[in-house]
Amino acid sequence: MTSHRAPRAAIILAAGQGTRMKSPLPKVLHPVGRRAMLDHAIDAAQALGCDPIIVVVGEHSPQVRAHVVARLGEAAIAVQDTPQGTGHAVRCAQGPLAGFDGQVVVTYGDVPLLKAADIEPVFASSDGVTVIGFEARDPGAYGRLVMDGDTLTAITEAKEASPEVLALTACNSGVMAAPAALLFDLLAEVRNDNAKGEYYLTDVVALARQRGAPTRAVFAAEDSVMGVNAQAELAQAEALFQSVQRDAFLAAGVTMSAPDTVHFAWDTQVGPGTVIEPYVVFGPGAVIAANARIRSFSHIEGATVASGAEVGPYARLRPGAALGEDVKVGNFVEVKNVAMARGSKANHLAYLGDGTVGAGANIGAGTIFCNYDGVFKHRTTVEDGAFVGSNSALVAPVTIGAGAMVGSGSVITRDVPPGDLALARAPQTTKPGWATRFMTTMRAKKAEKSR
């Protein structure tokens, strides 16, 4: 956690309607990197050491409120019942912040790529107002930052700007920090006598200057401060997130021959020397050690993969899968809540759910751990060195002992002692000449029908 002299608080604005998303899911709960945009904003605030963190929500979105309460508790909620602009939204957090004496940063629940390191510089000044700006590739309708050296002299909306101000490329991100007492004093003076009848947070800059309080701007990359208001922007944010992740993993020694085809979650961990083939998807909670190999078209979520293990192609590791060193999980194998010990193998076409597989054990093609009885899940244990033949069904709860064998095509319902062979299939019966006689009869019937 970053050290700091004064206490810090964060106000995260998340009360927008998000109508341009055209989705039943509230805007700030749409994911980037498999994590809600709002959670990215909360993560950044926590990494900065902000306490408390207040999230301003709207009455129209109980789902957002429930999300915040589940993560931060009821005390983190401030409600903006009738939206009246960003300044009004920040004022709604004044009650929950009563008695707080420190600096407050205002951020947004729909700006998912803004990290703690981007925000940290706003706390360098403890006696005035600081905003985060960015140099825009296309300034367009962004509010412009008018600077005099390091001093921010004005934030001017594009529609009110002179040609000289419109030529500026320094733009306002909307993120702002100030001492709590100063921020709320200034907000009390903000008026809504504008075309929209709203209270603008940006107006506090001019009011601070009238008081003689310092006003300054720090700058972040444009991509870091991008807001998401529509599905196309959400896709753009996802692409930027993935690009950053890929570059970081490549720099850390992960080999990817087609990185643009690999998709990471916000918390994916991959060790150096690991090879990730094209078209791999990581969901949340994937931890891949050094020197593993993840082959094409595999999906890994909530799983750990140890050094030397190989996954795929076309494998699926679900939550609770734990692959030990040199484990091989091959094509069309699904593993859920199963720990596989060193050197064990399930090379093709198997479902392993709820259990353990011992060191050096072999799981044949078509094997199923029958773990669910319609109400409860049960565990299957395959001990060290056991060999399970192809197309076998292990009906849990059941244990296959160390060094035991299960004959192909068996349905195993009882424990198999160590070193034993279990066969659970009907005896083969052979009827001499039956196939020839059958086909001769059927062909004759077909010929008769065609006349």
Protein backbone atom coordinates (compact mmCIF):
# COMPACT_ATOMS: atom_id res chain seq x y z
CA MET A 1 0.00 0.00 0.00
CA THR A 2 1.28 3.46 -0.89
CA SER A 3 2.39 5.53 2.13
CA HIS A 4 0.72 8.89 2.67
CA ARG A 5 0.53 11.61 5.31
CA ALA A 6 -3.18 12.44 5.33
CA PRO A 7 -6.12 10.04 5.45
CA ARG A 8 -7.68 9.32 2.08
CA ALA A 9 -11.25 8.67 1.02
CA ALA A 10 -12.75 7.88 -2.36
CA ILE A 11 -16.11 8.77 -3.87
CA ILE A 12 -16.95 6.55 -6.83
CA LEU A 13 -19.78 7.83 -9.02
CA ALA A 14 -21.95 4.94 -10.22
CA ALA A 15 -25.46 6.36 -10.43
CA GLY A 16 -25.71 6.83 -14.19
CA GLN A 17 -28.60 5.29 -16.09
CA GLY A 18 -26.35 3.72 -18.72
CA THR A 19 -29.11 3.79 -21.32
CA ARG A 20 -26.66 3.77 -24.22
CA MET A 21 -25.53 0.29 -23.22
CA LYS A 22 -29.00 -0.99 -24.17
CA SER A 23 -28.59 -3.85 -21.73
CA PRO A 24 -30.55 -5.10 -18.71
CA LEU A 25 -27.24 -5.30 -16.84
CA PRO A 26 -26.36 -1.96 -15.20
CA LYS A 27 -23.52 -0.25 -17.01
CA VAL A 28 -20.99 -0.31 -14.19
CA LEU A 29 -21.49 -4.05 -13.70
CA HIS A 30 -20.45 -4.87 -17.26
CA PRO A 31 -17.13 -6.70 -17.12
CA VAL A 32 -13.70 -5.82 -18.43
CA GLY A 33 -11.20 -8.60 -17.98
CA ARG A 34 -13.97 -10.73 -16.46
CA ARG A 35 -14.44 -8.22 -13.62
CA ALA A 36 -17.17 -5.62 -13.23
CA MET A 37 -16.02 -2.12 -14.16
CA LEU A 38 -17.14 -0.91 -10.75
CA ASP A 39 -14.89 -3.46 -9.07
CA HIS A 40 -11.91 -2.14 -11.02
CA ALA A 41 -12.67 1.31 -9.59
CA ILE A 42 -12.99 -0.09 -6.07
CA ASP A 43 -9.73 -2.02 -6.50
CA ALA A 44 -7.90 1.18 -7.43
CA ALA A 45 -9.34 3.05 -4.44
CA GLN A 46 -8.33 0.26 -2.07
CA ALA A 47 -4.83 0.10 -3.55
CA LEU A 48 -4.50 3.84 -2.82
CA GLY A 49 -5.35 3.23 0.82
CA CYS A 50 -8.70 5.02 0.63
CA ASP A 51 -10.86 4.41 3.67
CA PRO A 52 -13.74 4.99 3.56
CA ILE A 53 -14.83 4.32 0.00
CA ILE A 54 -18.27 5.71 -0.82
CA VAL A 55 -20.11 4.60 -3.95
CA VAL A 56 -22.88 6.88 -5.20
CA VAL A 57 -25.69 4.77 -6.65
CA GLY A 58 -29.10 5.51 -8.12
CA GLU A 59 -32.48 4.42 -6.82
CA HIS A 60 -33.11 2.97 -10.27
CA SER A 61 -30.45 0.28 -9.84
CA PRO A 62 -30.86 -1.98 -6.81
CA GLN A 63 -28.48 -4.42 -8.50
CA VAL A 64 -25.60 -1.95 -8.25
CA ARG A 65 -26.46 -1.22 -4.64
CA ALA A 66 -26.49 -4.93 -3.78
CA HIS A 67 -23.13 -5.36 -5.50
CA VAL A 68 -21.56 -2.57 -3.45
CA VAL A 69 -23.06 -3.79 -0.18
CA ALA A 70 -21.78 -7.30 -0.81
CA ARG A 71 -18.26 -6.00 -1.29
CA LEU A 72 -17.97 -2.95 0.99
CA GLY A 73 -20.98 -3.03 3.31
CA GLU A 74 -24.02 -0.78 3.72
CA ALA A 75 -21.93 2.13 5.04
CA ALA A 76 -20.34 2.50 1.58
CA ILE A 77 -23.65 3.51 -0.04
CA ALA A 78 -24.72 7.04 -0.94
CA VAL A 79 -27.91 7.44 -2.96
CA GLN A 80 -28.50 10.04 -5.66
CA ASP A 81 -32.27 9.80 -5.92
CA THR A 82 -32.75 12.35 -8.71
CA PRO A 83 -29.69 12.79 -10.95
CA GLN A 84 -28.69 16.47 -11.13
CA GLY A 85 -25.14 16.31 -12.42
CA THR A 86 -21.71 15.26 -11.17
CA GLY A 87 -21.47 17.99 -8.55
CA HIS A 88 -24.77 16.91 -7.07
CA ALA A 89 -23.65 13.27 -7.10
CA VAL A 90 -20.53 14.09 -5.10
CA ARG A 91 -22.58 16.10 -2.59
CA CYS A 92 -24.70 13.00 -1.98
CA ALA A 93 -21.61 11.43 -0.40
CA GLN A 94 -21.21 14.26 2.13
CA GLY A 95 -23.36 12.55 4.76
CA PRO A 96 -21.48 9.22 4.73
CA LEU A 97 -18.21 11.20 4.91
CA ALA A 98 -19.28 13.35 7.88
CA GLY A 99 -16.37 13.72 10.25
CA PHE A 100 -13.76 12.63 7.70
CA ASP A 101 -10.72 14.91 7.78
CA GLY A 102 -8.43 14.16 4.88
CA GLN A 103 -8.23 14.15 1.11
CA VAL A 104 -11.02 12.86 -1.11
CA VAL A 105 -10.64 11.64 -4.66
CA VAL A 106 -13.64 11.43 -6.98
CA THR A 107 -13.53 8.61 -9.54
CA TYR A 108 -16.02 6.82 -11.77
CA GLY A 109 -17.49 3.34 -11.90
CA ASP A 110 -17.35 3.29 -15.70
CA VAL A 111 -13.62 4.03 -16.06
CA PRO A 112 -12.20 0.52 -15.69
CA LEU A 113 -8.60 1.03 -16.87
CA LEU A 114 -7.62 3.72 -14.36
CA LYS A 115 -5.12 2.25 -11.91
CA ALA A 116 -3.91 3.37 -8.50
CA ALA A 117 -0.59 4.46 -10.00
CA ASP A 118 -2.46 6.80 -12.36
CA ILE A 119 -4.40 8.39 -9.50
CA GLU A 120 -1.61 8.62 -6.90
CA PRO A 121 -0.21 11.99 -8.14
CA VAL A 122 -3.46 13.82 -7.29
CA PHE A 123 -2.57 13.49 -3.61
CA ALA A 124 0.72 15.39 -3.93
CA SER A 125 -1.04 18.64 -3.05
CA SER A 126 -2.96 18.61 0.22
CA ASP A 127 -4.37 22.14 0.22
CA GLY A 128 -6.12 22.65 -3.12
CA VAL A 129 -7.97 21.04 -6.03
CA THR A 130 -6.18 18.65 -8.38
CA VAL A 131 -7.65 17.05 -11.48
CA ILE A 132 -6.38 14.33 -13.78
CA GLY A 133 -5.99 15.44 -17.37
CA PHE A 134 -4.90 13.70 -20.54
CA GLU A 135 -3.57 14.64 -23.94
CA ALA A 136 -6.34 13.71 -26.36
CA ARG A 137 -5.70 12.32 -29.82
CA ASP A 138 -9.01 13.90 -30.87
CA PRO A 139 -10.14 16.47 -28.27
CA GLY A 140 -13.60 16.80 -29.81
CA ALA A 141 -16.24 17.44 -27.17
CA TYR A 142 -13.96 16.99 -24.15
CA GLY A 143 -13.64 19.80 -21.64
CA ARG A 144 -10.29 21.58 -22.09
CA LEU A 145 -7.75 22.23 -19.37
CA VAL A 146 -6.36 25.74 -19.58
CA MET A 147 -2.92 25.66 -17.96
CA ASP A 148 -0.46 28.31 -16.86
CA GLY A 149 2.67 26.30 -16.22
CA ASP A 150 1.72 23.78 -13.54
CA THR A 151 -1.36 25.76 -12.54
CA LEU A 152 -4.81 24.87 -13.82
CA THR A 153 -6.51 28.16 -14.56
CA ALA A 154 -9.81 26.84 -15.97
CA ILE A 155 -11.79 23.88 -17.22
CA THR A 156 -13.75 25.01 -20.25
CA GLU A 157 -16.48 22.95 -21.86
CA ALA A 158 -15.99 22.53 -25.61
CA LYS A 159 -19.31 24.16 -26.47
CA GLU A 160 -18.32 27.27 -24.54
CA ALA A 161 -14.70 27.43 -25.67
CA SER A 162 -13.07 30.01 -27.91
CA PRO A 163 -11.18 28.82 -30.99
CA GLU A 164 -7.92 29.27 -29.08
CA VAL A 165 -9.12 27.04 -26.22
CA LEU A 166 -10.58 24.48 -28.66
CA ALA A 167 -7.11 24.14 -30.15
CA LEU A 168 -5.82 22.80 -26.82
CA THR A 169 -5.33 19.04 -26.54
CA ALA A 170 -5.14 18.89 -22.72
CA CYS A 171 -8.53 17.54 -21.64
CA ASN A 172 -10.37 16.79 -18.42
CA SER A 173 -10.84 13.19 -17.28
CA GLY A 174 -13.35 14.14 -14.56
CA VAL A 175 -11.21 12.65 -11.76
CA MET A 176 -10.59 15.20 -9.02
CA ALA A 177 -9.09 15.34 -5.54
CA ALA A 178 -9.25 17.91 -2.75
CA PRO A 179 -9.38 18.11 1.04
CA ALA A 180 -12.84 16.97 2.12
CA ALA A 181 -13.79 20.22 3.88
CA LEU A 182 -12.70 22.32 0.90
CA LEU A 183 -14.43 20.09 -1.63
CA PHE A 184 -17.82 20.20 0.08
CA ASP A 185 -17.54 23.93 0.84
CA LEU A 186 -16.95 24.60 -2.84
CA LEU A 187 -19.74 22.27 -3.94
CA ALA A 188 -22.17 24.20 -1.75
CA GLU A 189 -21.46 27.24 -3.92
CA VAL A 190 -21.95 25.47 -7.28
CA ARG A 191 -25.02 26.71 -9.14
CA ASN A 192 -27.14 24.98 -11.75
CA ASP A 193 -27.87 28.00 -13.93
CA ASN A 194 -26.78 26.29 -17.14
CA ALA A 195 -28.50 24.78 -20.17
CA LYS A 196 -28.92 21.38 -18.50
CA GLY A 197 -29.90 22.70 -15.07
CA GLU A 198 -27.21 20.50 -13.51
CA TYR A 199 -24.54 20.99 -10.86
CA TYR A 200 -21.14 20.44 -12.47
CA LEU A 201 -18.21 19.15 -10.45
CA THR A 202 -15.83 21.03 -12.75
CA ASP A 203 -17.18 24.36 -11.45
CA VAL A 204 -15.25 23.88 -8.22
CA VAL A 205 -12.01 24.77 -10.04
CA ALA A 206 -13.12 28.34 -10.74
CA LEU A 207 -14.57 28.65 -7.23
CA ALA A 208 -11.30 27.43 -5.70
CA ARG A 209 -9.36 30.02 -7.68
CA GLN A 210 -11.69 32.76 -6.42
CA ARG A 211 -10.73 31.72 -2.89
CA GLY A 212 -7.05 31.66 -3.74
CA ALA A 213 -6.80 27.89 -3.25
CA PRO A 214 -4.23 26.10 -5.44
CA THR A 215 -5.58 24.40 -8.57
CA ARG A 216 -3.44 22.03 -10.57
CA ALA A 217 -3.59 19.16 -13.05
CA VAL A 218 -1.67 15.92 -13.31
CA PHE A 219 -1.72 13.83 -16.44
CA ALA A 220 -2.44 10.20 -17.27
CA ALA A 221 -2.51 8.31 -20.56
CA GLU A 222 -5.68 8.81 -22.57
CA ASP A 223 -6.39 5.09 -22.68
CA SER A 224 -6.23 4.88 -18.87
CA VAL A 225 -9.01 7.41 -18.37
CA MET A 226 -11.40 6.27 -21.08
CA GLY A 227 -15.01 6.03 -19.95
CA VAL A 228 -17.45 3.39 -21.14
CA ASN A 229 -20.92 4.47 -22.17
CA ALA A 230 -21.85 2.08 -24.98
CA GLN A 231 -21.16 -1.49 -26.05
CA ALA A 232 -18.59 -0.39 -28.65
CA GLU A 233 -16.63 1.44 -25.94
CA LEU A 234 -16.87 -1.59 -23.68
CA ALA A 235 -15.32 -3.69 -26.45
CA GLN A 236 -12.62 -1.04 -26.89
CA ALA A 237 -11.85 -1.07 -23.16
CA GLU A 238 -11.63 -4.86 -23.22
CA ALA A 239 -9.21 -4.72 -26.16
CA LEU A 240 -7.03 -2.19 -24.35
CA PHE A 241 -7.09 -4.27 -21.17
CA GLN A 242 -6.08 -7.40 -23.07
CA SER A 243 -3.30 -5.56 -24.88
CA VAL A 244 -1.81 -4.40 -21.60
CA GLN A 245 -2.04 -7.89 -20.12
CA ARG A 246 -0.43 -9.53 -23.15
CA ASP A 247 2.43 -7.06 -23.20
CA ALA A 248 3.04 -7.61 -19.49
CA PHE A 249 3.15 -11.38 -19.80
CA LEU A 250 5.40 -11.27 -22.86
CA ALA A 251 7.76 -8.95 -20.99
CA ALA A 252 7.74 -11.38 -18.05
CA GLY A 253 8.92 -14.29 -20.20
CA VAL A 254 5.67 -15.98 -21.23
CA THR A 255 5.77 -17.34 -24.78
CA MET A 256 2.75 -16.62 -27.01
CA SER A 257 3.03 -17.13 -30.75
CA ALA A 258 -0.33 -15.41 -31.37
CA PRO A 259 -0.92 -13.16 -28.35
CA ASP A 260 -3.90 -11.40 -29.92
CA THR A 261 -5.83 -14.68 -29.68
CA VAL A 262 -5.19 -15.22 -25.95
CA HIS A 263 -7.62 -13.67 -23.48
CA PHE A 264 -6.77 -13.03 -19.84
CA ALA A 265 -8.86 -12.25 -16.78
CA TRP A 266 -8.07 -9.42 -14.39
CA ASP A 267 -6.28 -11.74 -11.93
CA THR A 268 -4.60 -14.27 -14.25
CA GLN A 269 -1.15 -15.35 -13.10
CA VAL A 270 1.33 -16.99 -15.50
CA GLY A 271 4.92 -17.83 -14.68
CA PRO A 272 7.92 -17.27 -16.98
CA GLY A 273 8.80 -19.98 -19.46
CA THR A 274 5.19 -21.06 -19.87
CA VAL A 275 4.04 -21.50 -23.45
CA ILE A 276 0.48 -20.42 -24.32
CA GLU A 277 -0.64 -21.55 -27.74
CA PRO A 278 -3.23 -19.65 -29.82
CA TYR A 279 -6.89 -19.31 -28.82
CA VAL A 280 -6.69 -19.85 -25.06
CA VAL A 281 -9.14 -18.21 -22.63
CA PHE A 282 -8.43 -17.60 -18.95
CA GLY A 283 -11.34 -16.95 -16.61
CA PRO A 284 -10.94 -15.55 -13.08
CA GLY A 285 -8.73 -17.40 -10.65
CA ALA A 286 -6.31 -19.06 -13.07
CA VAL A 287 -2.78 -19.56 -11.72
CA ILE A 288 -0.23 -21.05 -14.09
CA ALA A 289 3.25 -21.80 -12.79
CA ALA A 290 6.48 -21.39 -14.72
CA ASN A 291 7.34 -23.77 -17.54
CA ALA A 292 3.87 -25.16 -18.14
CA ARG A 293 2.26 -25.53 -21.56
CA ILE A 294 -1.29 -24.45 -22.35
CA ARG A 295 -2.29 -25.73 -25.76
CA SER A 296 -4.80 -24.25 -28.18
CA PHE A 297 -8.52 -23.81 -27.54
CA SER A 298 -8.31 -24.50 -23.81
CA HIS A 299 -10.38 -22.69 -21.16
CA ILE A 300 -9.02 -22.32 -17.63
CA GLU A 301 -10.91 -20.78 -14.71
CA GLY A 302 -10.39 -21.05 -10.96
CA ALA A 303 -7.65 -23.62 -11.49
CA THR A 304 -3.95 -24.06 -10.76
CA VAL A 305 -1.42 -25.62 -13.12
CA ALA A 306 2.02 -26.58 -11.84
CA SER A 307 5.38 -26.48 -13.59
CA GLY A 308 5.83 -28.99 -16.39
CA ALA A 309 2.11 -29.69 -16.73
CA GLU A 310 0.43 -29.68 -20.13
CA VAL A 311 -3.17 -28.69 -20.76
CA GLY A 312 -5.10 -29.30 -23.96
CA PRO A 313 -5.68 -28.77 -26.74
CA TYR A 314 -9.43 -28.33 -26.23
CA ALA A 315 -9.28 -28.89 -22.46
CA ARG A 316 -11.43 -27.23 -19.83
CA LEU A 317 -10.23 -26.66 -16.28
CA ARG A 318 -13.01 -25.50 -13.97
CA PRO A 319 -12.83 -24.11 -10.41
CA GLY A 320 -10.99 -26.36 -8.00
CA ALA A 321 -8.92 -28.14 -10.64
CA ALA A 322 -5.34 -28.44 -9.39
CA LEU A 323 -2.80 -29.99 -11.73
CA GLY A 324 0.51 -31.05 -10.20
CA GLU A 325 3.90 -31.13 -11.85
CA ASP A 326 4.13 -32.96 -15.17
CA VAL A 327 0.41 -33.72 -15.24
CA LYS A 328 -1.12 -34.13 -18.69
CA VAL A 329 -4.74 -33.21 -19.38
CA GLY A 330 -5.41 -33.68 -23.06
CA ASN A 331 -8.00 -32.95 -25.69
CA PHE A 332 -11.66 -32.78 -24.67
CA VAL A 333 -10.97 -33.43 -21.00
CA GLU A 334 -12.91 -31.48 -18.36
CA VAL A 335 -11.59 -31.27 -14.80
CA LYS A 336 -13.61 -29.74 -11.94
CA ASN A 337 -12.60 -29.74 -8.26
CA VAL A 338 -10.05 -32.52 -8.74
CA ALA A 339 -6.43 -32.51 -7.62
CA MET A 340 -4.18 -34.44 -9.97
CA ALA A 341 -0.82 -35.44 -8.48
CA ARG A 342 2.55 -35.42 -10.21
CA GLY A 343 2.76 -37.29 -13.50
CA SER A 344 -0.86 -38.38 -13.68
CA LYS A 345 -2.59 -38.34 -17.06
CA ALA A 346 -6.02 -37.97 -18.61
CA ASN A 347 -5.15 -37.72 -22.27
CA HIS A 348 -8.53 -37.67 -23.98
CA LEU A 349 -12.29 -37.43 -23.72
CA ALA A 350 -12.87 -37.61 -19.96
CA TYR A 351 -14.85 -35.86 -17.23
CA LEU A 352 -13.17 -35.70 -13.83
CA GLY A 353 -15.33 -34.04 -11.19
CA ASP A 354 -14.88 -33.91 -7.40
CA GLY A 355 -12.00 -36.14 -6.40
CA THR A 356 -8.29 -36.82 -6.44
CA VAL A 357 -6.00 -38.56 -8.87
CA GLY A 358 -2.77 -39.93 -7.45
CA ALA A 359 0.76 -39.65 -8.76
CA GLY A 360 1.39 -41.54 -11.97
CA ALA A 361 -2.22 -42.67 -12.35
CA ASN A 362 -3.69 -43.05 -15.83
CA ILE A 363 -7.26 -42.14 -16.70
CA GLY A 364 -8.35 -43.75 -19.97
CA ALA A 365 -10.33 -42.13 -22.76
CA GLY A 366 -14.05 -41.85 -22.11
CA THR A 367 -13.75 -42.15 -18.32
CA ILE A 368 -16.37 -40.36 -16.24
CA PHE A 369 -16.32 -39.55 -12.54
CA CYS A 370 -20.04 -39.95 -11.80
CA ASN A 371 -20.07 -37.44 -8.96
CA TYR A 372 -23.68 -36.22 -8.80
CA ASP A 373 -26.68 -38.22 -7.59
CA GLY A 374 -29.19 -35.49 -8.36
CA VAL A 375 -28.93 -33.91 -4.90
CA PHE A 376 -25.37 -34.30 -3.54
CA LYS A 377 -21.87 -34.34 -4.99
CA HIS A 378 -19.62 -37.27 -4.07
CA ARG A 379 -15.88 -37.81 -4.41
CA THR A 380 -13.84 -40.27 -6.43
CA THR A 381 -10.35 -41.23 -5.32
CA VAL A 382 -7.88 -42.75 -7.75
CA GLU A 383 -4.71 -43.59 -5.85
CA ASP A 384 -1.07 -43.56 -6.96
CA GLY A 385 -0.24 -45.64 -10.01
CA ALA A 386 -3.78 -46.82 -10.67
CA PHE A 387 -4.86 -47.49 -14.25
CA VAL A 388 -8.44 -46.81 -15.32
CA GLY A 389 -9.29 -48.36 -18.69
CA SER A 390 -11.14 -46.54 -21.43
CA ASN A 391 -14.89 -45.91 -21.33
CA SER A 392 -15.20 -46.56 -17.60
CA ALA A 393 -17.70 -44.97 -15.24
CA LEU A 394 -16.58 -44.55 -11.62
CA VAL A 395 -19.71 -44.07 -9.53
CA ALA A 396 -18.83 -41.96 -6.49
CA PRO A 397 -18.18 -42.29 -3.66
CA VAL A 398 -15.57 -44.81 -4.70
CA THR A 399 -11.84 -45.44 -4.34
CA ILE A 400 -9.52 -47.11 -6.85
CA GLY A 401 -6.58 -48.32 -4.80
CA ALA A 402 -2.91 -47.77 -5.49
CA GLY A 403 -1.69 -49.80 -8.45
CA ALA A 404 -5.17 -51.19 -9.13
CA MET A 405 -6.62 -51.56 -12.62
CA VAL A 406 -10.11 -51.03 -13.98
CA GLY A 407 -10.92 -52.92 -17.16
CA SER A 408 -12.21 -50.94 -20.09
CA GLY A 409 -15.95 -50.43 -20.28
CA SER A 410 -16.51 -51.04 -16.56
CA VAL A 411 -19.05 -49.38 -14.30
CA ILE A 412 -17.39 -49.34 -10.88
CA THR A 413 -19.69 -48.93 -7.89
CA ARG A 414 -17.51 -50.44 -5.13
CA ASP A 415 -13.99 -49.73 -3.94
CA VAL A 416 -11.19 -51.55 -5.75
CA PRO A 417 -8.41 -52.69 -3.37
CA PRO A 418 -4.80 -51.79 -4.15
CA GLY A 419 -3.22 -53.99 -6.81
CA ASP A 420 -6.50 -55.64 -7.85
CA LEU A 421 -8.21 -55.74 -11.22
CA ALA A 422 -11.88 -54.79 -11.38
CA LEU A 423 -14.12 -55.83 -14.28
CA ALA A 424 -17.75 -54.75 -14.30
CA ARG A 425 -19.19 -55.51 -17.72
CA ALA A 426 -21.34 -58.18 -19.31
CA PRO A 427 -19.48 -61.23 -20.69
CA GLN A 428 -18.96 -61.18 -24.44
CA THR A 429 -21.14 -63.62 -26.42
CA THR A 430 -20.29 -64.66 -29.97
CA LYS A 431 -22.90 -66.21 -32.29
CA PRO A 432 -21.24 -67.90 -35.28
CA GLY A 433 -22.60 -66.82 -38.68
CA TRP A 434 -25.35 -64.62 -37.19
CA ALA A 435 -24.19 -61.39 -38.86
CA THR A 436 -24.02 -62.99 -42.30
CA ARG A 437 -27.49 -64.48 -42.00
CA PHE A 438 -28.96 -61.22 -40.70
CA MET A 439 -27.53 -59.09 -43.52
CA THR A 440 -28.64 -61.58 -46.17
CA THR A 441 -32.21 -61.51 -44.83
CA MET A 442 -32.35 -57.72 -44.55
CA ARG A 443 -30.98 -57.14 -48.04
CA ALA A 444 -33.55 -59.53 -49.46
CA LYS A 445 -36.36 -57.60 -47.72
CA LYS A 446 -35.03 -54.32 -49.06
CA ALA A 447 -34.89 -55.71 -52.59
CA GLU A 448 -38.47 -56.96 -52.30
CA LYS A 449 -39.70 -53.48 -51.20
CA SER A 450 -37.99 -51.77 -54.12
CA ARG A 451 -39.84 -53.81 -56.78
